[in-house]
Each structure stands twice: as C-alpha cells, then as structure tokens.
C-alpha cells in the first residue's frame, strides 16, 4: 500500500463554504474514491488556506489520479470545487503537489 500526501491552497475567503461541502460529500463521489483505491483519505485545512491531503492506495499517485479522472462523478465534483482553490479555476486534482515521504513508523 502506498501512502500519499499532497498539498493544495484553498482561498481564505472560501474556507467555511469549502468545509461545509466536505461535510456532505456526495455518496457517488465517496463510492468512486473507494472503487478507485483511495483508502483512509483525509483532508486537513489550516486557517490560511493550506490544505493537506492524505490517502493510501495500492496504485501509484499518478495511477490513482488517473483512475479517479475516469469517473464521471469526479468531473462534476471538480467543477463544483474549482472556485474554492487558488489557481484560476483549475481542478484541484490537476494542482495537487505530492509531498515526499521521509519517515514512516509502522
């Protein structure tokens, strides 16, 4: 299982609305994430907009992203979320900055 950690930037003016959407993630989106191998998925948000994501996958980060991009529900979710991110309306899944894992204590 590969552990993946990534960062994004949420617009500080959109933090509350962004958090509200994530309290009600569509069931179809959750099913697609599970089906494409995104396990133990977590998001952490700092008050300045720094978003840190973590998930585990049997695939590589690139393959996990590609699998999700083939899911029709993902495009709808990405369209909904795009205005919340710094980056000129791009989809978040095209702006994720993967972090290098340097220590893991099992």
PDB file of N, CA and C in Angstrom:
ATOM      1  N   UNK A   1       0.849  -1.184   0.000  1.00  0.00           N
ATOM      2  CA  UNK A   1       0.000   0.000   0.000  1.00  0.00           C
ATOM      3  C   UNK A   1       0.888   1.239   0.000  1.00  0.00           C
ATOM      4  N   UNK A   2       0.626   2.156  -0.884  1.00  0.00           N
ATOM      5  CA  UNK A   2       1.366   3.417  -0.964  1.00  0.00           C
ATOM      6  C   UNK A   2       0.640   4.493  -0.165  1.00  0.00           C
ATOM      7  N   UNK A   3       1.404   5.254   0.600  1.00  0.00           N
ATOM      8  CA  UNK A   3       0.864   6.383   1.337  1.00  0.00           C
ATOM      9  C   UNK A   3       1.146   7.638   0.524  1.00  0.00           C
ATOM     10  N   UNK A   4       0.127   8.460   0.321  1.00  0.00           N
ATOM     11  CA  UNK A   4       0.254   9.665  -0.494  1.00  0.00           C
ATOM     12  C   UNK A   4      -0.158  10.863   0.342  1.00  0.00           C
ATOM     13  N   UNK A   5       0.659  11.900   0.311  1.00  0.00           N
ATOM     14  CA  UNK A   5       0.338  13.152   0.973  1.00  0.00           C
ATOM     15  C   UNK A   5       0.520  14.262  -0.058  1.00  0.00           C
ATOM     16  N   UNK A   6      -0.408  15.200  -0.064  1.00  0.00           N
ATOM     17  CA  UNK A   6      -0.344  16.285  -1.039  1.00  0.00           C
ATOM     18  C   UNK A   6      -0.850  17.577  -0.411  1.00  0.00           C
ATOM     19  N   UNK A   7      -0.517  18.688  -1.059  1.00  0.00           N
ATOM     20  CA  UNK A   7      -0.991  19.993  -0.607  1.00  0.00           C
ATOM     21  C   UNK A   7      -1.717  20.705  -1.737  1.00  0.00           C
ATOM     22  N   UNK A   8      -2.598  21.590  -1.344  1.00  0.00           N
ATOM     23  CA  UNK A   8      -3.321  22.498  -2.231  1.00  0.00           C
ATOM     24  C   UNK A   8      -3.536  23.793  -1.460  1.00  0.00           C
ATOM     25  N   UNK A   9      -4.064  24.803  -2.126  1.00  0.00           N
ATOM     26  CA  UNK A   9      -4.371  26.077  -1.482  1.00  0.00           C
ATOM     27  C   UNK A   9      -5.832  26.436  -1.703  1.00  0.00           C
ATOM     28  N   UNK A  10      -6.581  26.526  -0.617  1.00  0.00           N
ATOM     29  CA  UNK A  10      -7.966  26.984  -0.655  1.00  0.00           C
ATOM     30  C   UNK A  10      -7.947  28.492  -0.428  1.00  0.00           C
ATOM     31  N   UNK A  11      -8.775  29.212  -1.160  1.00  0.00           N
ATOM     32  CA  UNK A  11      -8.870  30.657  -0.965  1.00  0.00           C
ATOM     33  C   UNK A  11      -9.333  30.928   0.469  1.00  0.00           C
ATOM     34  N   UNK A  12      -8.616  31.745   1.221  1.00  0.00           N
ATOM     35  CA  UNK A  12      -9.016  32.017   2.603  1.00  0.00           C
ATOM     36  C   UNK A  12     -10.454  32.515   2.732  1.00  0.00           C
ATOM     37  N   UNK A  13     -10.944  33.221   1.741  1.00  0.00           N
ATOM     38  CA  UNK A  13     -12.326  33.712   1.790  1.00  0.00           C
ATOM     39  C   UNK A  13     -13.359  32.605   1.597  1.00  0.00           C
ATOM     40  N   UNK A  14     -12.924  31.415   1.212  1.00  0.00           N
ATOM     41  CA  UNK A  14     -13.840  30.306   0.911  1.00  0.00           C
ATOM     42  C   UNK A  14     -13.772  29.151   1.906  1.00  0.00           C
ATOM     43  N   UNK A  15     -13.023  29.318   2.974  1.00  0.00           N
ATOM     44  CA  UNK A  15     -12.787  28.201   3.898  1.00  0.00           C
ATOM     45  C   UNK A  15     -14.076  27.609   4.460  1.00  0.00           C
ATOM     46  N   UNK A  16     -14.969  28.448   4.937  1.00  0.00           N
ATOM     47  CA  UNK A  16     -16.186  27.932   5.574  1.00  0.00           C
ATOM     48  C   UNK A  16     -17.049  27.161   4.582  1.00  0.00           C
ATOM     49  N   UNK A  17     -17.230  27.709   3.397  1.00  0.00           N
ATOM     50  CA  UNK A  17     -18.047  27.018   2.397  1.00  0.00           C
ATOM     51  C   UNK A  17     -17.376  25.728   1.938  1.00  0.00           C
ATOM     52  N   UNK A  18     -16.063  25.745   1.791  1.00  0.00           N
ATOM     53  CA  UNK A  18     -15.322  24.541   1.407  1.00  0.00           C
ATOM     54  C   UNK A  18     -15.528  23.445   2.460  1.00  0.00           C
ATOM     55  N   UNK A  19     -15.410  23.807   3.732  1.00  0.00           N
ATOM     56  CA  UNK A  19     -15.609  22.827   4.804  1.00  0.00           C
ATOM     57  C   UNK A  19     -17.046  22.297   4.796  1.00  0.00           C
ATOM     58  N   UNK A  20     -18.007  23.162   4.563  1.00  0.00           N
ATOM     59  CA  UNK A  20     -19.409  22.731   4.525  1.00  0.00           C
ATOM     60  C   UNK A  20     -19.629  21.683   3.439  1.00  0.00           C
ATOM     61  N   UNK A  21     -19.073  21.894   2.260  1.00  0.00           N
ATOM     62  CA  UNK A  21     -19.216  20.906   1.179  1.00  0.00           C
ATOM     63  C   UNK A  21     -18.624  19.551   1.588  1.00  0.00           C
ATOM     64  N   UNK A  22     -17.558  19.571   2.346  1.00  0.00           N
ATOM     65  CA  UNK A  22     -16.920  18.312   2.724  1.00  0.00           C
ATOM     66  C   UNK A  22     -17.618  17.616   3.896  1.00  0.00           C
ATOM     67  N   UNK A  23     -18.568  18.267   4.496  1.00  0.00           N
ATOM     68  CA  UNK A  23     -19.411  17.601   5.486  1.00  0.00           C
ATOM     69  C   UNK A  23     -20.526  16.824   4.798  1.00  0.00           C
ATOM     70  N   UNK A  24     -20.705  17.092   3.486  1.00  0.00           N
ATOM     71  CA  UNK A  24     -21.784  16.462   2.722  1.00  0.00           C
ATOM     72  C   UNK A  24     -21.274  15.955   1.369  1.00  0.00           C
ATOM     73  N   UNK A  25     -20.153  15.259   1.377  1.00  0.00           N
ATOM     74  CA  UNK A  25     -19.621  14.722   0.116  1.00  0.00           C
ATOM     75  C   UNK A  25     -20.657  13.754  -0.458  1.00  0.00           C
ATOM     76  N   UNK A  26     -20.889  13.890  -1.758  1.00  0.00           N
ATOM     77  CA  UNK A  26     -21.885  13.058  -2.421  1.00  0.00           C
ATOM     78  C   UNK A  26     -21.548  11.573  -2.268  1.00  0.00           C
ATOM     79  N   UNK A  27     -22.541  10.742  -1.967  1.00  0.00           N
ATOM     80  CA  UNK A  27     -22.290   9.298  -1.843  1.00  0.00           C
ATOM     81  C   UNK A  27     -21.636   8.707  -3.094  1.00  0.00           C
ATOM     82  N   UNK A  28     -22.014   9.197  -4.275  1.00  0.00           N
ATOM     83  CA  UNK A  28     -21.422   8.683  -5.517  1.00  0.00           C
ATOM     84  C   UNK A  28     -19.929   9.011  -5.593  1.00  0.00           C
ATOM     85  N   UNK A  29     -19.545  10.147  -5.043  1.00  0.00           N
ATOM     86  CA  UNK A  29     -18.132  10.522  -5.034  1.00  0.00           C
ATOM     87  C   UNK A  29     -17.363   9.630  -4.063  1.00  0.00           C
ATOM     88  N   UNK A  30     -17.940   9.387  -2.901  1.00  0.00           N
ATOM     89  CA  UNK A  30     -17.294   8.503  -1.929  1.00  0.00           C
ATOM     90  C   UNK A  30     -17.136   7.095  -2.492  1.00  0.00           C
ATOM     91  N   UNK A  31     -18.144   6.612  -3.195  1.00  0.00           N
ATOM     92  CA  UNK A  31     -18.076   5.286  -3.815  1.00  0.00           C
ATOM     93  C   UNK A  31     -16.987   5.242  -4.880  1.00  0.00           C
ATOM     94  N   UNK A  32     -16.874   6.292  -5.686  1.00  0.00           N
ATOM     95  CA  UNK A  32     -15.847   6.338  -6.733  1.00  0.00           C
ATOM     96  C   UNK A  32     -14.448   6.339  -6.116  1.00  0.00           C
ATOM     97  N   UNK A  33     -14.245   7.106  -5.055  1.00  0.00           N
ATOM     98  CA  UNK A  33     -12.951   7.122  -4.384  1.00  0.00           C
ATOM     99  C   UNK A  33     -12.589   5.726  -3.886  1.00  0.00           C
ATOM    100  N   UNK A  34     -13.520   5.073  -3.255  1.00  0.00           N
ATOM    101  CA  UNK A  34     -13.276   3.724  -2.744  1.00  0.00           C
ATOM    102  C   UNK A  34     -13.000   2.742  -3.883  1.00  0.00           C
ATOM    103  N   UNK A  35     -13.806   2.819  -4.917  1.00  0.00           N
ATOM    104  CA  UNK A  35     -13.681   1.904  -6.063  1.00  0.00           C
ATOM    105  C   UNK A  35     -12.331   2.063  -6.763  1.00  0.00           C
ATOM    106  N   UNK A  36     -11.791   3.274  -6.779  1.00  0.00           N
ATOM    107  CA  UNK A  36     -10.530   3.518  -7.475  1.00  0.00           C
ATOM    108  C   UNK A  36      -9.309   3.437  -6.562  1.00  0.00           C
ATOM    109  N   UNK A  37      -9.504   2.941  -5.348  1.00  0.00           N
ATOM    110  CA  UNK A  37      -8.376   2.643  -4.474  1.00  0.00           C
ATOM    111  C   UNK A  37      -7.909   3.750  -3.561  1.00  0.00           C
ATOM    112  N   UNK A  38      -8.751   4.754  -3.314  1.00  0.00           N
ATOM    113  CA  UNK A  38      -8.401   5.827  -2.376  1.00  0.00           C
ATOM    114  C   UNK A  38      -8.917   5.411  -0.991  1.00  0.00           C
ATOM    115  N   UNK A  39      -8.017   4.941  -0.133  1.00  0.00           N
ATOM    116  CA  UNK A  39      -8.394   4.456   1.194  1.00  0.00           C
ATOM    117  C   UNK A  39      -7.797   5.352   2.285  1.00  0.00           C
ATOM    118  N   UNK A  40      -8.467   5.380   3.429  1.00  0.00           N
ATOM    119  CA  UNK A  40      -8.007   6.208   4.562  1.00  0.00           C
ATOM    120  C   UNK A  40      -7.739   7.645   4.123  1.00  0.00           C
ATOM    121  N   UNK A  41      -8.650   8.174   3.319  1.00  0.00           N
ATOM    122  CA  UNK A  41      -8.496   9.515   2.756  1.00  0.00           C
ATOM    123  C   UNK A  41      -8.867  10.548   3.808  1.00  0.00           C
ATOM    124  N   UNK A  42      -7.970  11.501   4.031  1.00  0.00           N
ATOM    125  CA  UNK A  42      -8.193  12.574   5.000  1.00  0.00           C
ATOM    126  C   UNK A  42      -7.756  13.899   4.398  1.00  0.00           C
ATOM    127  N   UNK A  43      -8.450  14.961   4.802  1.00  0.00           N
ATOM    128  CA  UNK A  43      -8.069  16.319   4.428  1.00  0.00           C
ATOM    129  C   UNK A  43      -7.913  17.132   5.704  1.00  0.00           C
ATOM    130  N   UNK A  44      -6.877  17.959   5.734  1.00  0.00           N
ATOM    131  CA  UNK A  44      -6.601  18.829   6.867  1.00  0.00           C
ATOM    132  C   UNK A  44      -6.481  20.245   6.325  1.00  0.00           C
ATOM    133  N   UNK A  45      -7.102  21.207   6.990  1.00  0.00           N
ATOM    134  CA  UNK A  45      -7.146  22.569   6.482  1.00  0.00           C
ATOM    135  C   UNK A  45      -6.669  23.556   7.543  1.00  0.00           C
ATOM    136  N   UNK A  46      -5.706  24.377   7.172  1.00  0.00           N
ATOM    137  CA  UNK A  46      -5.191  25.410   8.059  1.00  0.00           C
ATOM    138  C   UNK A  46      -5.946  26.712   7.788  1.00  0.00           C
ATOM    139  N   UNK A  47      -5.973  27.607   8.755  1.00  0.00           N
ATOM    140  CA  UNK A  47      -6.761  28.832   8.655  1.00  0.00           C
ATOM    141  C   UNK A  47      -6.298  29.777   7.540  1.00  0.00           C
ATOM    142  N   UNK A  48      -5.084  29.602   7.036  1.00  0.00           N
ATOM    143  CA  UNK A  48      -4.608  30.437   5.929  1.00  0.00           C
ATOM    144  C   UNK A  48      -4.891  29.816   4.564  1.00  0.00           C
ATOM    145  N   UNK A  49      -5.573  28.661   4.543  1.00  0.00           N
ATOM    146  CA  UNK A  49      -5.949  28.019   3.290  1.00  0.00           C
ATOM    147  C   UNK A  49      -5.085  26.842   2.881  1.00  0.00           C
ATOM    148  N   UNK A  50      -4.018  26.558   3.613  1.00  0.00           N
ATOM    149  CA  UNK A  50      -3.208  25.393   3.278  1.00  0.00           C
ATOM    150  C   UNK A  50      -4.034  24.130   3.516  1.00  0.00           C
ATOM    151  N   UNK A  51      -4.182  23.331   2.480  1.00  0.00           N
ATOM    152  CA  UNK A  51      -4.902  22.070   2.562  1.00  0.00           C
ATOM    153  C   UNK A  51      -3.894  20.939   2.403  1.00  0.00           C
ATOM    154  N   UNK A  52      -3.906  20.008   3.337  1.00  0.00           N
ATOM    155  CA  UNK A  52      -3.045  18.834   3.275  1.00  0.00           C
ATOM    156  C   UNK A  52      -3.951  17.617   3.166  1.00  0.00           C
ATOM    157  N   UNK A  53      -3.709  16.813   2.146  1.00  0.00           N
ATOM    158  CA  UNK A  53      -4.485  15.592   1.942  1.00  0.00           C
ATOM    159  C   UNK A  53      -3.606  14.378   2.115  1.00  0.00           C
ATOM    160  N   UNK A  54      -4.227  13.291   2.554  1.00  0.00           N
ATOM    161  CA  UNK A  54      -3.523  12.028   2.756  1.00  0.00           C
ATOM    162  C   UNK A  54      -4.453  10.899   2.347  1.00  0.00           C
ATOM    163  N   UNK A  55      -3.917   9.914   1.640  1.00  0.00           N
ATOM    164  CA  UNK A  55      -4.661   8.689   1.382  1.00  0.00           C
ATOM    165  C   UNK A  55      -3.693   7.546   1.130  1.00  0.00           C
ATOM    166  N   UNK A  56      -4.220   6.353   1.200  1.00  0.00           N
ATOM    167  CA  UNK A  56      -3.449   5.146   0.917  1.00  0.00           C
ATOM    168  C   UNK A  56      -4.050   4.487  -0.309  1.00  0.00           C
ATOM    169  N   UNK A  57      -3.184   3.934  -1.153  1.00  0.00           N
ATOM    170  CA  UNK A  57      -3.639   3.337  -2.396  1.00  0.00           C
ATOM    171  C   UNK A  57      -2.712   2.197  -2.809  1.00  0.00           C
ATOM    172  N   UNK A  58      -3.262   1.151  -3.409  1.00  0.00           N
ATOM    173  CA  UNK A  58      -2.390   0.096  -3.939  1.00  0.00           C
ATOM    174  C   UNK A  58      -1.673   0.555  -5.210  1.00  0.00           C
ATOM    175  N   UNK A  59      -2.122   1.636  -5.803  1.00  0.00           N
ATOM    176  CA  UNK A  59      -1.551   2.157  -7.049  1.00  0.00           C
ATOM    177  C   UNK A  59      -0.550   3.268  -6.748  1.00  0.00           C
ATOM    178  N   UNK A  60       0.069   3.779  -7.778  1.00  0.00           N
ATOM    179  CA  UNK A  60       0.883   4.985  -7.637  1.00  0.00           C
ATOM    180  C   UNK A  60      -0.047   6.194  -7.529  1.00  0.00           C
ATOM    181  N   UNK A  61       0.493   7.315  -7.101  1.00  0.00           N
ATOM    182  CA  UNK A  61      -0.280   8.549  -7.026  1.00  0.00           C
ATOM    183  C   UNK A  61      -0.850   8.889  -8.401  1.00  0.00           C
ATOM    184  N   UNK A  62      -0.025   8.805  -9.422  1.00  0.00           N
ATOM    185  CA  UNK A  62      -0.452   9.129 -10.785  1.00  0.00           C
ATOM    186  C   UNK A  62      -1.569   8.201 -11.252  1.00  0.00           C
ATOM    187  N   UNK A  63      -1.437   6.906 -10.964  1.00  0.00           N
ATOM    188  CA  UNK A  63      -2.470   5.949 -11.372  1.00  0.00           C
ATOM    189  C   UNK A  63      -3.768   6.154 -10.593  1.00  0.00           C
ATOM    190  N   UNK A  64      -3.655   6.513  -9.318  1.00  0.00           N
ATOM    191  CA  UNK A  64      -4.855   6.789  -8.520  1.00  0.00           C
ATOM    192  C   UNK A  64      -5.585   8.017  -9.069  1.00  0.00           C
ATOM    193  N   UNK A  65      -4.825   9.053  -9.437  1.00  0.00           N
ATOM    194  CA  UNK A  65      -5.429  10.240 -10.042  1.00  0.00           C
ATOM    195  C   UNK A  65      -6.087   9.905 -11.375  1.00  0.00           C
ATOM    196  N   UNK A  66      -5.418   9.109 -12.181  1.00  0.00           N
ATOM    197  CA  UNK A  66      -5.964   8.725 -13.481  1.00  0.00           C
ATOM    198  C   UNK A  66      -7.243   7.912 -13.322  1.00  0.00           C
ATOM    199  N   UNK A  67      -7.276   7.019 -12.354  1.00  0.00           N
ATOM    200  CA  UNK A  67      -8.480   6.218 -12.119  1.00  0.00           C
ATOM    201  C   UNK A  67      -9.654   7.105 -11.730  1.00  0.00           C
ATOM    202  N   UNK A  68      -9.399   8.067 -10.856  1.00  0.00           N
ATOM    203  CA  UNK A  68     -10.480   8.984 -10.470  1.00  0.00           C
ATOM    204  C   UNK A  68     -10.906   9.871 -11.633  1.00  0.00           C
ATOM    205  N   UNK A  69      -9.978  10.266 -12.476  1.00  0.00           N
ATOM    206  CA  UNK A  69     -10.334  11.143 -13.590  1.00  0.00           C
ATOM    207  C   UNK A  69     -11.231  10.438 -14.602  1.00  0.00           C
ATOM    208  N   UNK A  70     -11.247   9.106 -14.568  1.00  0.00           N
ATOM    209  CA  UNK A  70     -12.121   8.354 -15.479  1.00  0.00           C
ATOM    210  C   UNK A  70     -13.542   8.207 -14.931  1.00  0.00           C
ATOM    211  N   UNK A  71     -13.756   8.655 -13.708  1.00  0.00           N
ATOM    212  CA  UNK A  71     -15.075   8.564 -13.079  1.00  0.00           C
ATOM    213  C   UNK A  71     -15.897   9.813 -13.426  1.00  0.00           C
ATOM    214  N   UNK A  72     -17.057   9.671 -14.063  1.00  0.00           N
ATOM    215  CA  UNK A  72     -17.871  10.845 -14.427  1.00  0.00           C
ATOM    216  C   UNK A  72     -18.217  11.743 -13.234  1.00  0.00           C
ATOM    217  N   UNK A  73     -18.443  11.164 -12.066  1.00  0.00           N
ATOM    218  CA  UNK A  73     -18.812  11.967 -10.894  1.00  0.00           C
ATOM    219  C   UNK A  73     -17.654  12.872 -10.469  1.00  0.00           C
ATOM    220  N   UNK A  74     -16.422  12.448 -10.737  1.00  0.00           N
ATOM    221  CA  UNK A  74     -15.263  13.251 -10.362  1.00  0.00           C
ATOM    222  C   UNK A  74     -15.259  14.583 -11.098  1.00  0.00           C
ATOM    223  N   UNK A  75     -15.576  14.580 -12.378  1.00  0.00           N
ATOM    224  CA  UNK A  75     -15.594  15.838 -13.137  1.00  0.00           C
ATOM    225  C   UNK A  75     -16.622  16.804 -12.556  1.00  0.00           C
ATOM    226  N   UNK A  76     -17.769  16.291 -12.149  1.00  0.00           N
ATOM    227  CA  UNK A  76     -18.804  17.143 -11.553  1.00  0.00           C
ATOM    228  C   UNK A  76     -18.324  17.724 -10.221  1.00  0.00           C
ATOM    229  N   UNK A  77     -17.698  16.889  -9.397  1.00  0.00           N
ATOM    230  CA  UNK A  77     -17.191  17.358  -8.103  1.00  0.00           C
ATOM    231  C   UNK A  77     -16.071  18.382  -8.313  1.00  0.00           C
ATOM    232  N   UNK A  78     -15.163  18.105  -9.244  1.00  0.00           N
ATOM    233  CA  UNK A  78     -14.063  19.025  -9.506  1.00  0.00           C
ATOM    234  C   UNK A  78     -14.585  20.372 -10.017  1.00  0.00           C
ATOM    235  N   UNK A  79     -15.615  20.347 -10.851  1.00  0.00           N
ATOM    236  CA  UNK A  79     -16.222  21.595 -11.331  1.00  0.00           C
ATOM    237  C   UNK A  79     -16.805  22.396 -10.164  1.00  0.00           C
ATOM    238  N   UNK A  80     -17.459  21.705  -9.235  1.00  0.00           N
ATOM    239  CA  UNK A  80     -18.042  22.367  -8.074  1.00  0.00           C
ATOM    240  C   UNK A  80     -16.969  22.966  -7.171  1.00  0.00           C
ATOM    241  N   UNK A  81     -15.857  22.259  -6.998  1.00  0.00           N
ATOM    242  CA  UNK A  81     -14.814  22.679  -6.066  1.00  0.00           C
ATOM    243  C   UNK A  81     -13.838  23.698  -6.657  1.00  0.00           C
ATOM    244  N   UNK A  82     -13.717  23.768  -7.976  1.00  0.00           N
ATOM    245  CA  UNK A  82     -12.696  24.614  -8.620  1.00  0.00           C
ATOM    246  C   UNK A  82     -12.681  26.059  -8.120  1.00  0.00           C
ATOM    247  N   UNK A  83     -13.823  26.710  -7.919  1.00  0.00           N
ATOM    248  CA  UNK A  83     -13.787  28.115  -7.477  1.00  0.00           C
ATOM    249  C   UNK A  83     -13.188  28.330  -6.082  1.00  0.00           C
ATOM    250  N   UNK A  84     -13.077  27.274  -5.295  1.00  0.00           N
ATOM    251  CA  UNK A  84     -12.569  27.408  -3.933  1.00  0.00           C
ATOM    252  C   UNK A  84     -11.046  27.442  -3.860  1.00  0.00           C
ATOM    253  N   UNK A  85     -10.386  27.040  -4.939  1.00  0.00           N
ATOM    254  CA  UNK A  85      -8.931  26.909  -4.915  1.00  0.00           C
ATOM    255  C   UNK A  85      -8.227  28.077  -5.567  1.00  0.00           C
ATOM    256  N   UNK A  86      -7.064  28.413  -5.031  1.00  0.00           N
ATOM    257  CA  UNK A  86      -6.193  29.376  -5.684  1.00  0.00           C
ATOM    258  C   UNK A  86      -5.629  28.667  -6.914  1.00  0.00           C
ATOM    259  N   UNK A  87      -5.712  29.301  -8.058  1.00  0.00           N
ATOM    260  CA  UNK A  87      -5.203  28.661  -9.265  1.00  0.00           C
ATOM    261  C   UNK A  87      -6.098  28.865 -10.462  1.00  0.00           C
ATOM    262  N   UNK A  88      -6.761  29.978 -10.566  1.00  0.00           N
ATOM    263  CA  UNK A  88      -7.506  30.370 -11.765  1.00  0.00           C
ATOM    264  C   UNK A  88      -8.557  29.356 -12.203  1.00  0.00           C
ATOM    265  N   UNK A  89      -9.293  28.776 -11.267  1.00  0.00           N
ATOM    266  CA  UNK A  89     -10.402  27.908 -11.613  1.00  0.00           C
ATOM    267  C   UNK A  89     -10.022  26.530 -12.099  1.00  0.00           C
ATOM    268  N   UNK A  90      -8.768  26.144 -11.922  1.00  0.00           N
ATOM    269  CA  UNK A  90      -8.349  24.807 -12.317  1.00  0.00           C
ATOM    270  C   UNK A  90      -8.946  23.775 -11.365  1.00  0.00           C
ATOM    271  N   UNK A  91      -9.015  22.559 -11.843  1.00  0.00           N
ATOM    272  CA  UNK A  91      -9.467  21.472 -10.986  1.00  0.00           C
ATOM    273  C   UNK A  91      -8.371  21.120  -9.987  1.00  0.00           C
ATOM    274  N   UNK A  92      -8.778  20.879  -8.765  1.00  0.00           N
ATOM    275  CA  UNK A  92      -7.824  20.570  -7.694  1.00  0.00           C
ATOM    276  C   UNK A  92      -6.980  19.348  -8.033  1.00  0.00           C
ATOM    277  N   UNK A  93      -7.590  18.350  -8.678  1.00  0.00           N
ATOM    278  CA  UNK A  93      -6.829  17.135  -8.969  1.00  0.00           C
ATOM    279  C   UNK A  93      -5.741  17.363 -10.021  1.00  0.00           C
ATOM    280  N   UNK A  94      -5.701  18.547 -10.620  1.00  0.00           N
ATOM    281  CA  UNK A  94      -4.641  18.897 -11.570  1.00  0.00           C
ATOM    282  C   UNK A  94      -3.590  19.800 -10.926  1.00  0.00           C
ATOM    283  N   UNK A  95      -3.813  20.167  -9.660  1.00  0.00           N
ATOM    284  CA  UNK A  95      -2.891  21.077  -8.972  1.00  0.00           C
ATOM    285  C   UNK A  95      -2.270  20.469  -7.720  1.00  0.00           C
ATOM    286  N   UNK A  96      -2.534  19.218  -7.428  1.00  0.00           N
ATOM    287  CA  UNK A  96      -2.019  18.599  -6.205  1.00  0.00           C
ATOM    288  C   UNK A  96      -0.496  18.520  -6.239  1.00  0.00           C
ATOM    289  N   UNK A  97       0.121  18.959  -5.163  1.00  0.00           N
ATOM    290  CA  UNK A  97       1.576  18.887  -5.014  1.00  0.00           C
ATOM    291  C   UNK A  97       1.905  17.744  -4.068  1.00  0.00           C
ATOM    292  N   UNK A  98       2.400  16.645  -4.616  1.00  0.00           N
ATOM    293  CA  UNK A  98       2.711  15.490  -3.782  1.00  0.00           C
ATOM    294  C   UNK A  98       3.938  15.779  -2.925  1.00  0.00           C
ATOM    295  N   UNK A  99       3.859  15.380  -1.661  1.00  0.00           N
ATOM    296  CA  UNK A  99       4.985  15.509  -0.742  1.00  0.00           C
ATOM    297  C   UNK A  99       5.744  14.191  -0.680  1.00  0.00           C
ATOM    298  N   UNK A 100       7.036  14.285  -0.513  1.00  0.00           N
ATOM    299  CA  UNK A 100       7.866  13.100  -0.391  1.00  0.00           C
ATOM    300  C   UNK A 100       7.802  12.555   1.039  1.00  0.00           C
ATOM    301  N   UNK A 101       7.530  11.288   1.177  1.00  0.00           N
ATOM    302  CA  UNK A 101       7.543  10.669   2.492  1.00  0.00           C
ATOM    303  C   UNK A 101       8.995  10.413   2.894  1.00  0.00           C
ATOM    304  N   UNK A 102       9.374  10.900   4.064  1.00  0.00           N
ATOM    305  CA  UNK A 102      10.757  10.685   4.520  1.00  0.00           C
ATOM    306  C   UNK A 102      10.839   9.861   5.790  1.00  0.00           C
ATOM    307  N   UNK A 103       9.700   9.590   6.421  1.00  0.00           N
ATOM    308  CA  UNK A 103       9.701   8.744   7.619  1.00  0.00           C
ATOM    309  C   UNK A 103       8.322   8.146   7.792  1.00  0.00           C
ATOM    310  N   UNK A 104       8.286   6.870   8.124  1.00  0.00           N
ATOM    311  CA  UNK A 104       7.032   6.189   8.459  1.00  0.00           C
ATOM    312  C   UNK A 104       7.329   5.224   9.596  1.00  0.00           C
ATOM    313  N   UNK A 105       6.622   5.355  10.687  1.00  0.00           N
ATOM    314  CA  UNK A 105       6.760   4.435  11.813  1.00  0.00           C
ATOM    315  C   UNK A 105       5.553   3.522  11.821  1.00  0.00           C
ATOM    316  N   UNK A 106       5.736   2.289  11.432  1.00  0.00           N
ATOM    317  CA  UNK A 106       4.581   1.345  11.419  1.00  0.00           C
ATOM    318  C   UNK A 106       4.113   0.984  12.817  1.00  0.00           C
TER     319      UNK A 106
END
